[in-house]
Amino acid sequence: CEGSLLRYADDEILFANCASTEKRASLTIRWTKDGETFLTKHKIDDRCGYSSMTKTRDLRVGIAYEVPSSRAMRDYGGDDVKDIVFRKYRLSDLGIVNRSK
């Protein structure tokens, strides 16, 4: 399964992947300070696909990820055709509020 890592600060890493162990679903961003223990997790979409994160100029977390296109689902009954979604989040939107610990 594919995942995406972002070093937001020297001691802060964000990890995004599909939280489901059965199918490509539940795109979730997790936050860690030690690289081993996730302190928070936040589901950003029920759907999930390949993703990539970045730190934006306004210090938000940007994530681009693929989802099945509605056209593919309607016309072909499958998820072979993908759309790309881009969203930005403040750290607080992801449940990251006490960063000093």
Protein backbone atom coordinates (compact mmCIF):
# COMPACT_ATOMS: atom_id res chain seq x y z
CA CYS A 1 0.00 0.00 0.00
CA GLU A 2 1.25 3.52 -0.82
CA GLY A 3 1.81 6.24 1.75
CA SER A 4 3.11 9.80 1.88
CA LEU A 5 5.53 11.37 4.39
CA LEU A 6 6.07 15.05 5.16
CA ARG A 7 8.65 16.42 7.59
CA TYR A 8 6.71 19.46 8.74
CA ALA A 9 9.34 20.61 11.25
CA ASP A 10 12.59 19.16 12.61
CA ASP A 11 10.76 16.90 15.05
CA GLU A 12 7.36 16.58 13.37
CA ILE A 13 6.42 14.08 10.68
CA LEU A 14 3.06 13.65 8.99
CA PHE A 15 2.11 10.34 7.37
CA ALA A 16 -0.86 9.84 5.03
CA ASN A 17 -2.23 6.55 3.74
CA CYS A 18 -5.34 4.42 3.43
CA ALA A 19 -6.37 3.44 6.94
CA SER A 20 -8.39 0.46 5.71
CA THR A 21 -6.58 -2.87 5.66
CA GLU A 22 -9.15 -4.35 3.26
CA LYS A 23 -9.51 -1.81 0.45
CA ARG A 24 -8.41 1.62 -0.76
CA ALA A 25 -10.51 3.65 1.67
CA SER A 26 -10.29 6.09 4.59
CA LEU A 27 -7.44 8.45 3.63
CA THR A 28 -5.95 9.42 7.00
CA ILE A 29 -3.18 11.78 8.08
CA ARG A 30 -1.24 10.86 11.21
CA TRP A 31 1.24 12.99 13.20
CA THR A 32 4.34 11.85 15.09
CA LYS A 33 7.24 13.53 16.85
CA ASP A 34 9.44 10.45 17.27
CA GLY A 35 8.72 8.53 14.06
CA GLU A 36 7.28 5.61 16.02
CA THR A 37 4.22 6.75 17.97
CA PHE A 38 1.31 8.49 16.25
CA LEU A 39 -0.05 11.22 18.51
CA THR A 40 -3.05 12.12 16.35
CA LYS A 41 -4.88 10.78 13.34
CA HIS A 42 -7.48 12.49 11.20
CA LYS A 43 -9.52 10.95 8.38
CA ILE A 44 -9.77 13.42 5.51
CA ASP A 45 -11.74 11.37 2.97
CA ASP A 46 -13.68 8.11 2.85
CA ARG A 47 -12.01 7.44 -0.49
CA CYS A 48 -8.29 6.85 -0.86
CA GLY A 49 -5.61 6.61 -3.50
CA TYR A 50 -2.01 7.58 -4.07
CA SER A 51 -1.16 10.78 -2.20
CA SER A 52 1.54 13.40 -1.82
CA MET A 53 1.87 16.06 0.90
CA THR A 54 3.62 19.42 1.04
CA LYS A 55 4.03 22.31 3.47
CA THR A 56 2.48 25.38 1.85
CA ARG A 57 3.67 28.97 2.05
CA ASP A 58 0.93 29.78 4.53
CA LEU A 59 2.24 26.92 6.78
CA ARG A 60 -0.64 24.59 6.06
CA VAL A 61 -0.44 20.96 5.05
CA GLY A 62 -1.31 20.47 1.40
CA ILE A 63 -2.28 17.03 0.17
CA ALA A 64 -2.98 15.90 -3.37
CA TYR A 65 -4.59 12.49 -3.76
CA GLU A 66 -6.40 10.42 -6.33
CA VAL A 67 -10.01 9.30 -6.10
CA PRO A 68 -12.23 7.35 -8.50
CA SER A 69 -13.86 9.82 -10.87
CA SER A 70 -17.63 10.09 -10.73
CA ARG A 71 -17.66 9.67 -14.52
CA ALA A 72 -15.83 6.36 -14.28
CA MET A 73 -18.21 5.10 -11.65
CA ARG A 74 -21.27 6.24 -13.66
CA ASP A 75 -20.16 5.22 -17.17
CA TYR A 76 -17.99 2.19 -16.52
CA GLY A 77 -18.98 0.91 -13.10
CA GLY A 78 -15.36 0.91 -11.96
CA ASP A 79 -12.62 3.07 -10.55
CA ASP A 80 -10.02 2.83 -13.33
CA VAL A 81 -10.27 6.54 -14.19
CA LYS A 82 -8.99 8.84 -11.44
CA ASP A 83 -9.51 12.45 -10.46
CA ILE A 84 -6.94 14.37 -8.44
CA VAL A 85 -8.10 16.28 -5.35
CA PHE A 86 -5.98 18.94 -3.58
CA ARG A 87 -6.83 20.20 -0.11
CA LYS A 88 -5.08 22.35 2.48
CA TYR A 89 -5.38 21.97 6.25
CA ARG A 90 -4.23 23.96 9.25
CA LEU A 91 -2.49 21.72 11.79
CA SER A 92 -5.40 22.35 14.16
CA ASP A 93 -7.80 21.01 11.47
CA LEU A 94 -5.87 17.72 11.75
CA GLY A 95 -6.17 17.63 15.55
CA ILE A 96 -2.59 18.82 16.07
CA VAL A 97 -2.89 21.45 18.79
CA ASN A 98 -0.21 20.93 21.46
CA ARG A 99 2.98 20.80 19.41
CA SER A 100 5.43 21.50 22.27
CA LYS A 101 5.19 18.01 23.82
